[in-house]
Amino acid sequence: MARETLPVALELMFGDEGGYSNHKGDRGNWLHGVLVGTKHGVTGATLAAHRGVKSVTANQVKAMSREEAEDIYRRSYWGQSGGDLLPPGLDYAAFDFGVNSGPYRAVKTLQKVLGIREDGQVGEQTLAAVRKYPGGVSTLIRDYCDARMRFLRSLTNGRTGFPVNGRGWTIRVTGKDPKGQWKDQPGVRGNALRLAADASGRSVEKVETPPEAGAKADGRDTGLGEVLKKPEAWGPLGGLLSAAGALFAGDGPVQWALAAAMVAAVLVGLWYFVRRVREAG
């Protein structure tokens, strides 16, 4: 049975995730290279998966009812983000993160904050770490939202990442507009803290956010510079680079041909590891 905070979380979600949107700078609006848009924060890809079909059209996305969107959130986001297991407030923060960036990312980030194995699933180890977190759930909510903002800032893609959507994401999570043009609001952080204090949701506040606040924050939009900061992108390539350097130091066409082939292998390997690191987050 869903936690009592789910109805409140859904109401808050529909505040951040508005009606139909087809902004080109939102990766979630595209399906198989076609701009189909999102509605109530549900992408065309998610809607197609929910209906058991390969694809949907923009008109089908536009026609999706709020009731169907709620059903999708219950089935595909709430439980997978730990909604039925995490304490009130933290459940909503993880749910909102999961809708925006995927439940796997939301749970992995929580586990990273907790300092435990990051397997993307809320189990007993995660729950035990939540119970033992220094400062309690309120401190964990603050630290978790800070970690979410660090992830969002790492999405440096100039077309779909933080450079174009960062202001909206910041307002959504923190309730504060970096430009100071929107009034201060609780944001996800503030409302999560209010739910932690009173799971009934009587003190939560619906927020108003700009359209870009609903843009999907995808780990694939991490810029190359951020990816290459991760040691796993470089470790397997160290030997190849050293070997190539040794071959270039020698003389003869055979050595140069081998060195050139090895450089090509390094570039292919770098591309492969960058892709894997982006996918794994």
C-alpha atoms as a PDB file:
ATOM      1  CA  MET A   1       0.000   0.000   0.000  1.00  0.00           C
ATOM      2  CA  ALA A   2       1.362   3.416  -0.971  1.00  0.00           C
ATOM      3  CA  ARG A   3       2.652   5.668   1.744  1.00  0.00           C
ATOM      4  CA  GLU A   4       0.293   8.359   2.970  1.00  0.00           C
ATOM      5  CA  THR A   5       2.511  11.034   1.458  1.00  0.00           C
ATOM      6  CA  LEU A   6       1.917   9.801  -2.117  1.00  0.00           C
ATOM      7  CA  PRO A   7      -1.225  11.926  -2.732  1.00  0.00           C
ATOM      8  CA  VAL A   8       0.644  15.000  -1.479  1.00  0.00           C
ATOM      9  CA  ALA A   9       3.697  14.108  -3.563  1.00  0.00           C
ATOM     10  CA  LEU A  10       1.548  13.774  -6.679  1.00  0.00           C
ATOM     11  CA  GLU A  11      -0.065  17.160  -6.116  1.00  0.00           C
ATOM     12  CA  LEU A  12       3.346  18.752  -5.691  1.00  0.00           C
ATOM     13  CA  MET A  13       4.633  16.914  -8.748  1.00  0.00           C
ATOM     14  CA  PHE A  14       1.910  18.334 -10.965  1.00  0.00           C
ATOM     15  CA  GLY A  15       2.954  21.753  -9.755  1.00  0.00           C
ATOM     16  CA  ASP A  16       6.487  21.250 -11.098  1.00  0.00           C
ATOM     17  CA  GLU A  17       5.501  19.123 -14.086  1.00  0.00           C
ATOM     18  CA  GLY A  18       2.981  21.246 -15.954  1.00  0.00           C
ATOM     19  CA  GLY A  19       0.860  20.511 -19.012  1.00  0.00           C
ATOM     20  CA  TYR A  20       2.109  19.690 -22.501  1.00  0.00           C
ATOM     21  CA  SER A  21       5.641  20.772 -23.414  1.00  0.00           C
ATOM     22  CA  ASN A  22       7.695  20.272 -26.569  1.00  0.00           C
ATOM     23  CA  HIS A  23      10.754  22.400 -25.856  1.00  0.00           C
ATOM     24  CA  LYS A  24      13.591  21.200 -28.125  1.00  0.00           C
ATOM     25  CA  GLY A  25      16.175  21.666 -25.369  1.00  0.00           C
ATOM     26  CA  ASP A  26      14.546  18.954 -23.227  1.00  0.00           C
ATOM     27  CA  ARG A  27      15.944  15.521 -24.123  1.00  0.00           C
ATOM     28  CA  GLY A  28      12.792  13.914 -22.728  1.00  0.00           C
ATOM     29  CA  ASN A  29      10.643  15.503 -25.437  1.00  0.00           C
ATOM     30  CA  TRP A  30      12.240  13.368 -28.155  1.00  0.00           C
ATOM     31  CA  LEU A  31      11.311   9.797 -29.105  1.00  0.00           C
ATOM     32  CA  HIS A  32      13.203   7.971 -31.869  1.00  0.00           C
ATOM     33  CA  GLY A  33      14.392  11.326 -33.207  1.00  0.00           C
ATOM     34  CA  VAL A  34      10.880  12.809 -33.335  1.00  0.00           C
ATOM     35  CA  LEU A  35       9.765  15.720 -31.159  1.00  0.00           C
ATOM     36  CA  VAL A  36       6.665  14.299 -29.431  1.00  0.00           C
ATOM     37  CA  GLY A  37       6.855  16.320 -26.201  1.00  0.00           C
ATOM     38  CA  THR A  38       5.869  15.513 -22.630  1.00  0.00           C
ATOM     39  CA  LYS A  39       2.711  16.019 -20.625  1.00  0.00           C
ATOM     40  CA  HIS A  40       2.464  16.161 -16.838  1.00  0.00           C
ATOM     41  CA  GLY A  41       6.171  15.315 -16.903  1.00  0.00           C
ATOM     42  CA  VAL A  42       5.560  11.983 -18.656  1.00  0.00           C
ATOM     43  CA  THR A  43       7.724  11.556 -21.742  1.00  0.00           C
ATOM     44  CA  GLY A  44       6.626   9.932 -24.956  1.00  0.00           C
ATOM     45  CA  ALA A  45       9.002   7.036 -24.288  1.00  0.00           C
ATOM     46  CA  THR A  46       7.489   6.436 -20.843  1.00  0.00           C
ATOM     47  CA  LEU A  47       3.950   6.673 -22.183  1.00  0.00           C
ATOM     48  CA  ALA A  48       4.747   4.188 -24.957  1.00  0.00           C
ATOM     49  CA  ALA A  49       6.268   1.747 -22.455  1.00  0.00           C
ATOM     50  CA  HIS A  50       3.254   2.108 -20.163  1.00  0.00           C
ATOM     51  CA  ARG A  51       0.880   1.332 -23.032  1.00  0.00           C
ATOM     52  CA  GLY A  52       3.025  -1.524 -24.326  1.00  0.00           C
ATOM     53  CA  VAL A  53       3.687   0.011 -27.746  1.00  0.00           C
ATOM     54  CA  LYS A  54       6.885   0.964 -29.564  1.00  0.00           C
ATOM     55  CA  SER A  55       6.008   4.598 -30.146  1.00  0.00           C
ATOM     56  CA  VAL A  56       3.429   7.318 -29.622  1.00  0.00           C
ATOM     57  CA  THR A  57       2.679  10.519 -31.514  1.00  0.00           C
ATOM     58  CA  ALA A  58       2.689  14.077 -30.265  1.00  0.00           C
ATOM     59  CA  ASN A  59      -1.119  14.087 -30.418  1.00  0.00           C
ATOM     60  CA  GLN A  60      -1.275  10.969 -28.247  1.00  0.00           C
ATOM     61  CA  VAL A  61       0.992  12.628 -25.696  1.00  0.00           C
ATOM     62  CA  LYS A  62      -1.167  15.754 -25.731  1.00  0.00           C
ATOM     63  CA  ALA A  63      -4.309  13.664 -25.203  1.00  0.00           C
ATOM     64  CA  MET A  64      -2.951  11.790 -22.174  1.00  0.00           C
ATOM     65  CA  SER A  65      -5.147  12.344 -19.130  1.00  0.00           C
ATOM     66  CA  ARG A  66      -3.931  13.327 -15.708  1.00  0.00           C
ATOM     67  CA  GLU A  67      -5.372  10.066 -14.381  1.00  0.00           C
ATOM     68  CA  GLU A  68      -3.127   8.068 -16.706  1.00  0.00           C
ATOM     69  CA  ALA A  69      -0.133  10.188 -15.702  1.00  0.00           C
ATOM     70  CA  GLU A  70      -0.864   9.480 -12.027  1.00  0.00           C
ATOM     71  CA  ASP A  71      -1.061   5.767 -12.765  1.00  0.00           C
ATOM     72  CA  ILE A  72       2.323   5.928 -14.520  1.00  0.00           C
ATOM     73  CA  TYR A  73       3.859   7.732 -11.563  1.00  0.00           C
ATOM     74  CA  ARG A  74       2.504   5.155  -9.115  1.00  0.00           C
ATOM     75  CA  ARG A  75       3.596   2.175 -11.195  1.00  0.00           C
ATOM     76  CA  SER A  76       6.917   3.352 -12.595  1.00  0.00           C
ATOM     77  CA  TYR A  77       8.353   5.999 -10.261  1.00  0.00           C
ATOM     78  CA  TRP A  78       7.005   6.005  -6.708  1.00  0.00           C
ATOM     79  CA  GLY A  79       7.959   2.477  -5.691  1.00  0.00           C
ATOM     80  CA  GLN A  80      11.172   2.367  -7.729  1.00  0.00           C
ATOM     81  CA  SER A  81      12.358   5.551  -6.035  1.00  0.00           C
ATOM     82  CA  GLY A  82      11.745   4.033  -2.600  1.00  0.00           C
ATOM     83  CA  GLY A  83       8.454   5.809  -1.966  1.00  0.00           C
ATOM     84  CA  ASP A  84       6.857   2.988   0.025  1.00  0.00           C
ATOM     85  CA  LEU A  85       9.950   2.426   2.164  1.00  0.00           C
ATOM     86  CA  LEU A  86      11.670   5.740   2.846  1.00  0.00           C
ATOM     87  CA  PRO A  87      10.528   8.019   5.674  1.00  0.00           C
ATOM     88  CA  PRO A  88       8.114  10.877   4.920  1.00  0.00           C
ATOM     89  CA  GLY A  89       9.778  13.818   3.257  1.00  0.00           C
ATOM     90  CA  LEU A  90      12.711  11.798   1.992  1.00  0.00           C
ATOM     91  CA  ASP A  91      10.246   9.674   0.003  1.00  0.00           C
ATOM     92  CA  TYR A  92       8.969  12.791  -1.778  1.00  0.00           C
ATOM     93  CA  ALA A  93      12.497  14.132  -2.421  1.00  0.00           C
ATOM     94  CA  ALA A  94      13.524  10.802  -3.976  1.00  0.00           C
ATOM     95  CA  PHE A  95      10.286  10.597  -5.973  1.00  0.00           C
ATOM     96  CA  ASP A  96      10.737  14.066  -7.465  1.00  0.00           C
ATOM     97  CA  PHE A  97      14.367  13.290  -8.283  1.00  0.00           C
ATOM     98  CA  GLY A  98      13.255  10.012  -9.874  1.00  0.00           C
ATOM     99  CA  VAL A  99      10.646  11.681 -12.073  1.00  0.00           C
ATOM    100  CA  ASN A 100      13.171  14.277 -13.203  1.00  0.00           C
ATOM    101  CA  SER A 101      16.209  12.027 -13.695  1.00  0.00           C
ATOM    102  CA  GLY A 102      15.036   8.423 -13.368  1.00  0.00           C
ATOM    103  CA  PRO A 103      14.530   6.333 -10.201  1.00  0.00           C
ATOM    104  CA  TYR A 104      17.865   4.543 -10.633  1.00  0.00           C
ATOM    105  CA  ARG A 105      19.736   7.857 -10.574  1.00  0.00           C
ATOM    106  CA  ALA A 106      17.689   9.115  -7.627  1.00  0.00           C
ATOM    107  CA  VAL A 107      18.422   6.034  -5.514  1.00  0.00           C
ATOM    108  CA  LYS A 108      22.096   5.855  -6.495  1.00  0.00           C
ATOM    109  CA  THR A 109      22.565   9.478  -5.468  1.00  0.00           C
ATOM    110  CA  LEU A 110      20.869   8.796  -2.138  1.00  0.00           C
ATOM    111  CA  GLN A 111      23.134   5.806  -1.574  1.00  0.00           C
ATOM    112  CA  LYS A 112      26.172   7.912  -2.411  1.00  0.00           C
ATOM    113  CA  VAL A 113      25.147  10.459   0.222  1.00  0.00           C
ATOM    114  CA  LEU A 114      24.647   7.610   2.699  1.00  0.00           C
ATOM    115  CA  GLY A 115      28.091   6.215   1.903  1.00  0.00           C
ATOM    116  CA  ILE A 116      26.892   2.726   0.961  1.00  0.00           C
ATOM    117  CA  ARG A 117      27.029   0.527  -2.136  1.00  0.00           C
ATOM    118  CA  GLU A 118      25.307   2.256  -5.047  1.00  0.00           C
ATOM    119  CA  ASP A 119      23.108  -0.396  -6.633  1.00  0.00           C
ATOM    120  CA  GLY A 120      20.116   1.844  -7.420  1.00  0.00           C
ATOM    121  CA  GLN A 121      17.664  -0.171  -5.307  1.00  0.00           C
ATOM    122  CA  VAL A 122      16.240   0.717  -1.913  1.00  0.00           C
ATOM    123  CA  GLY A 123      16.712  -2.304   0.356  1.00  0.00           C
ATOM    124  CA  GLU A 124      17.505  -3.025   3.972  1.00  0.00           C
ATOM    125  CA  GLN A 125      21.044  -1.678   3.727  1.00  0.00           C
ATOM    126  CA  THR A 126      19.754   1.649   2.423  1.00  0.00           C
ATOM    127  CA  LEU A 127      17.024   1.854   5.061  1.00  0.00           C
ATOM    128  CA  ALA A 128      19.473   1.022   7.856  1.00  0.00           C
ATOM    129  CA  ALA A 129      21.812   3.763   6.651  1.00  0.00           C
ATOM    130  CA  VAL A 130      18.899   6.223   6.545  1.00  0.00           C
ATOM    131  CA  ARG A 131      18.000   5.404  10.147  1.00  0.00           C
ATOM    132  CA  LYS A 132      21.586   5.919  11.285  1.00  0.00           C
ATOM    133  CA  TYR A 133      22.290   9.084   9.297  1.00  0.00           C
ATOM    134  CA  PRO A 134      23.950  11.748  11.491  1.00  0.00           C
ATOM    135  CA  GLY A 135      21.490  14.560  12.183  1.00  0.00           C
ATOM    136  CA  GLY A 136      18.456  12.502  11.199  1.00  0.00           C
ATOM    137  CA  VAL A 137      16.115  12.656   8.222  1.00  0.00           C
ATOM    138  CA  SER A 138      16.006  16.457   8.005  1.00  0.00           C
ATOM    139  CA  THR A 139      19.774  16.676   7.649  1.00  0.00           C
ATOM    140  CA  LEU A 140      19.702  13.844   5.110  1.00  0.00           C
ATOM    141  CA  ILE A 141      17.063  15.649   3.029  1.00  0.00           C
ATOM    142  CA  ARG A 142      19.236  18.771   2.910  1.00  0.00           C
ATOM    143  CA  ASP A 143      22.358  16.797   2.000  1.00  0.00           C
ATOM    144  CA  TYR A 144      20.441  14.789  -0.593  1.00  0.00           C
ATOM    145  CA  CYS A 145      19.079  17.910  -2.283  1.00  0.00           C
ATOM    146  CA  ASP A 146      22.580  19.401  -2.285  1.00  0.00           C
ATOM    147  CA  ALA A 147      23.865  16.231  -3.979  1.00  0.00           C
ATOM    148  CA  ARG A 148      21.077  16.483  -6.530  1.00  0.00           C
ATOM    149  CA  MET A 149      22.123  20.029  -7.346  1.00  0.00           C
ATOM    150  CA  ARG A 150      25.737  18.884  -7.808  1.00  0.00           C
ATOM    151  CA  PHE A 151      24.525  16.265 -10.260  1.00  0.00           C
ATOM    152  CA  LEU A 152      22.447  18.831 -12.147  1.00  0.00           C
ATOM    153  CA  ARG A 153      25.398  21.209 -12.406  1.00  0.00           C
ATOM    154  CA  SER A 154      27.480  18.388 -13.889  1.00  0.00           C
ATOM    155  CA  LEU A 155      25.122  18.237 -16.891  1.00  0.00           C
ATOM    156  CA  THR A 156      27.118  20.676 -18.986  1.00  0.00           C
ATOM    157  CA  ASN A 157      25.639  19.908 -22.407  1.00  0.00           C
ATOM    158  CA  GLY A 158      25.002  23.318 -23.945  1.00  0.00           C
ATOM    159  CA  ARG A 159      21.711  22.311 -25.577  1.00  0.00           C
ATOM    160  CA  THR A 160      19.980  20.101 -23.005  1.00  0.00           C
ATOM    161  CA  GLY A 161      21.939  20.451 -19.755  1.00  0.00           C
ATOM    162  CA  PHE A 162      22.433  22.958 -16.974  1.00  0.00           C
ATOM    163  CA  PRO A 163      23.393  25.893 -19.250  1.00  0.00           C
ATOM    164  CA  VAL A 164      19.841  26.008 -20.640  1.00  0.00           C
ATOM    165  CA  ASN A 165      17.756  24.331 -17.907  1.00  0.00           C
ATOM    166  CA  GLY A 166      19.749  25.072 -14.775  1.00  0.00           C
ATOM    167  CA  ARG A 167      17.753  28.053 -13.613  1.00  0.00           C
ATOM    168  CA  GLY A 168      14.492  26.099 -13.716  1.00  0.00           C
ATOM    169  CA  TRP A 169      16.046  23.077 -12.011  1.00  0.00           C
ATOM    170  CA  THR A 170      17.475  25.293  -9.283  1.00  0.00           C
ATOM    171  CA  ILE A 171      14.089  26.881  -8.607  1.00  0.00           C
ATOM    172  CA  ARG A 172      12.483  23.447  -8.579  1.00  0.00           C
ATOM    173  CA  VAL A 173      14.893  21.923  -6.060  1.00  0.00           C
ATOM    174  CA  THR A 174      15.847  24.881  -3.849  1.00  0.00           C
ATOM    175  CA  GLY A 175      12.901  27.243  -4.356  1.00  0.00           C
ATOM    176  CA  LYS A 176      15.272  30.120  -5.073  1.00  0.00           C
ATOM    177  CA  ASP A 177      15.719  31.850  -8.420  1.00  0.00           C
ATOM    178  CA  PRO A 178      19.412  32.548  -9.215  1.00  0.00           C
ATOM    179  CA  LYS A 179      18.256  35.672 -11.041  1.00  0.00           C
ATOM    180  CA  GLY A 180      15.965  36.800  -8.225  1.00  0.00           C
ATOM    181  CA  GLN A 181      12.967  37.294 -10.523  1.00  0.00           C
ATOM    182  CA  TRP A 182      10.760  34.556  -8.994  1.00  0.00           C
ATOM    183  CA  LYS A 183       9.704  34.847  -5.383  1.00  0.00           C
ATOM    184  CA  ASP A 184      11.322  32.477  -2.906  1.00  0.00           C
ATOM    185  CA  GLN A 185       9.392  29.226  -2.466  1.00  0.00           C
ATOM    186  CA  PRO A 186       9.900  26.025  -0.485  1.00  0.00           C
ATOM    187  CA  GLY A 187      10.991  24.013  -3.517  1.00  0.00           C
ATOM    188  CA  VAL A 188      11.486  20.269  -3.225  1.00  0.00           C
ATOM    189  CA  ARG A 189      13.863  20.760  -0.312  1.00  0.00           C
ATOM    190  CA  GLY A 190      11.495  22.922   1.711  1.00  0.00           C
ATOM    191  CA  ASN A 191       8.429  20.792   1.084  1.00  0.00           C
ATOM    192  CA  ALA A 192      10.350  17.599   1.843  1.00  0.00           C
ATOM    193  CA  LEU A 193      11.379  19.091   5.186  1.00  0.00           C
ATOM    194  CA  ARG A 194       7.760  20.046   5.885  1.00  0.00           C
ATOM    195  CA  LEU A 195       6.611  16.504   5.104  1.00  0.00           C
ATOM    196  CA  ALA A 196       9.298  15.129   7.379  1.00  0.00           C
ATOM    197  CA  ALA A 197       7.835  17.236  10.182  1.00  0.00           C
ATOM    198  CA  ASP A 198       4.184  16.488   9.294  1.00  0.00           C
ATOM    199  CA  ALA A 199       3.443  13.687   6.841  1.00  0.00           C
ATOM    200  CA  SER A 200      -0.150  14.890   6.412  1.00  0.00           C
ATOM    201  CA  GLY A 201       1.089  17.592   4.064  1.00  0.00           C
ATOM    202  CA  ARG A 202      -0.933  20.354   5.708  1.00  0.00           C
ATOM    203  CA  SER A 203       2.026  22.725   5.628  1.00  0.00           C
ATOM    204  CA  VAL A 204       3.339  22.050   2.125  1.00  0.00           C
ATOM    205  CA  GLU A 205       3.068  24.775  -0.480  1.00  0.00           C
ATOM    206  CA  LYS A 206       2.398  24.380  -4.188  1.00  0.00           C
ATOM    207  CA  VAL A 207       5.158  26.069  -6.125  1.00  0.00           C
ATOM    208  CA  GLU A 208       5.335  27.872  -9.432  1.00  0.00           C
ATOM    209  CA  THR A 209       8.290  27.135 -11.674  1.00  0.00           C
ATOM    210  CA  PRO A 210       9.381  28.151 -15.181  1.00  0.00           C
ATOM    211  CA  PRO A 211       8.897  25.620 -18.015  1.00  0.00           C
ATOM    212  CA  GLU A 212      12.541  24.510 -17.983  1.00  0.00           C
ATOM    213  CA  ALA A 213      12.088  23.218 -14.425  1.00  0.00           C
ATOM    214  CA  GLY A 214      10.332  20.190 -15.910  1.00  0.00           C
ATOM    215  CA  ALA A 215      13.103  19.381 -18.402  1.00  0.00           C
ATOM    216  CA  LYS A 216      14.468  15.882 -17.896  1.00  0.00           C
ATOM    217  CA  ALA A 217      17.913  15.898 -16.269  1.00  0.00           C
ATOM    218  CA  ASP A 218      19.665  13.034 -18.033  1.00  0.00           C
ATOM    219  CA  GLY A 219      23.102  11.730 -17.072  1.00  0.00           C
ATOM    220  CA  ARG A 220      23.941  11.446 -20.775  1.00  0.00           C
ATOM    221  CA  ASP A 221      24.062  15.247 -20.842  1.00  0.00           C
ATOM    222  CA  THR A 222      27.196  15.248 -18.700  1.00  0.00           C
ATOM    223  CA  GLY A 223      29.873  17.165 -20.554  1.00  0.00           C
ATOM    224  CA  LEU A 224      33.054  15.409 -21.649  1.00  0.00           C
ATOM    225  CA  GLY A 225      35.112  17.387 -19.135  1.00  0.00           C
ATOM    226  CA  GLU A 226      33.016  16.098 -16.252  1.00  0.00           C
ATOM    227  CA  VAL A 227      33.153  12.524 -17.517  1.00  0.00           C
ATOM    228  CA  LEU A 228      36.936  12.594 -17.823  1.00  0.00           C
ATOM    229  CA  LYS A 229      37.246  13.663 -14.189  1.00  0.00           C
ATOM    230  CA  LYS A 230      36.096  10.164 -13.260  1.00  0.00           C
ATOM    231  CA  PRO A 231      39.014   7.764 -12.857  1.00  0.00           C
ATOM    232  CA  GLU A 232      37.116   4.868 -14.413  1.00  0.00           C
ATOM    233  CA  ALA A 233      37.230   6.697 -17.758  1.00  0.00           C
ATOM    234  CA  TRP A 234      41.042   6.736 -17.747  1.00  0.00           C
ATOM    235  CA  GLY A 235      42.241   3.679 -15.841  1.00  0.00           C
ATOM    236  CA  PRO A 236      41.971   1.091 -18.636  1.00  0.00           C
ATOM    237  CA  LEU A 237      43.607   3.476 -21.123  1.00  0.00           C
ATOM    238  CA  GLY A 238      46.809   4.127 -19.181  1.00  0.00           C
ATOM    239  CA  GLY A 239      48.629   1.071 -20.495  1.00  0.00           C
ATOM    240  CA  LEU A 240      47.655   1.777 -24.076  1.00  0.00           C
ATOM    241  CA  LEU A 241      48.879   5.362 -23.854  1.00  0.00           C
ATOM    242  CA  SER A 242      52.206   4.294 -22.352  1.00  0.00           C
ATOM    243  CA  ALA A 243      52.702   1.629 -25.007  1.00  0.00           C
ATOM    244  CA  ALA A 244      51.869   4.035 -27.809  1.00  0.00           C
ATOM    245  CA  GLY A 245      54.371   6.532 -26.440  1.00  0.00           C
ATOM    246  CA  ALA A 246      57.082   3.892 -26.416  1.00  0.00           C
ATOM    247  CA  LEU A 247      56.394   2.926 -30.015  1.00  0.00           C
ATOM    248  CA  PHE A 248      56.450   6.556 -31.203  1.00  0.00           C
ATOM    249  CA  ALA A 249      59.861   6.904 -29.590  1.00  0.00           C
ATOM    250  CA  GLY A 250      61.301   4.220 -31.912  1.00  0.00           C
ATOM    251  CA  ASP A 251      62.302   4.378 -35.576  1.00  0.00           C
ATOM    252  CA  GLY A 252      60.945   2.625 -38.611  1.00  0.00           C
ATOM    253  CA  PRO A 253      57.681   2.417 -40.540  1.00  0.00           C
ATOM    254  CA  VAL A 254      56.507  -0.709 -38.729  1.00  0.00           C
ATOM    255  CA  GLN A 255      56.768   0.938 -35.313  1.00  0.00           C
ATOM    256  CA  TRP A 256      55.023   4.045 -36.561  1.00  0.00           C
ATOM    257  CA  ALA A 257      52.230   1.985 -38.116  1.00  0.00           C
ATOM    258  CA  LEU A 258      51.792   0.068 -34.853  1.00  0.00           C
ATOM    259  CA  ALA A 259      51.796   3.312 -32.889  1.00  0.00           C
ATOM    260  CA  ALA A 260      49.160   4.838 -35.185  1.00  0.00           C
ATOM    261  CA  ALA A 261      46.993   1.735 -34.818  1.00  0.00           C
ATOM    262  CA  MET A 262      47.370   1.907 -31.059  1.00  0.00           C
ATOM    263  CA  VAL A 263      46.371   5.585 -31.001  1.00  0.00           C
ATOM    264  CA  ALA A 264      43.260   4.670 -32.962  1.00  0.00           C
ATOM    265  CA  ALA A 265      42.553   1.963 -30.395  1.00  0.00           C
ATOM    266  CA  VAL A 266      42.987   4.515 -27.611  1.00  0.00           C
ATOM    267  CA  LEU A 267      40.477   6.856 -29.234  1.00  0.00           C
ATOM    268  CA  VAL A 268      37.948   4.054 -29.716  1.00  0.00           C
ATOM    269  CA  GLY A 269      38.540   2.930 -26.149  1.00  0.00           C
ATOM    270  CA  LEU A 270      38.096   6.482 -24.852  1.00  0.00           C
ATOM    271  CA  TRP A 271      34.820   6.828 -26.710  1.00  0.00           C
ATOM    272  CA  TYR A 272      33.617   3.511 -25.314  1.00  0.00           C
ATOM    273  CA  PHE A 273      34.508   4.359 -21.717  1.00  0.00           C
ATOM    274  CA  VAL A 274      33.021   7.850 -21.936  1.00  0.00           C
ATOM    275  CA  ARG A 275      29.785   6.278 -23.119  1.00  0.00           C
ATOM    276  CA  ARG A 276      29.835   3.671 -20.346  1.00  0.00           C
ATOM    277  CA  VAL A 277      30.592   6.253 -17.637  1.00  0.00           C
ATOM    278  CA  ARG A 278      27.766   8.495 -18.893  1.00  0.00           C
ATOM    279  CA  GLU A 279      25.333   5.599 -18.876  1.00  0.00           C
ATOM    280  CA  ALA A 280      26.397   4.446 -15.415  1.00  0.00           C
ATOM    281  CA  GLY A 281      26.422   7.983 -14.035  1.00  0.00           C
END
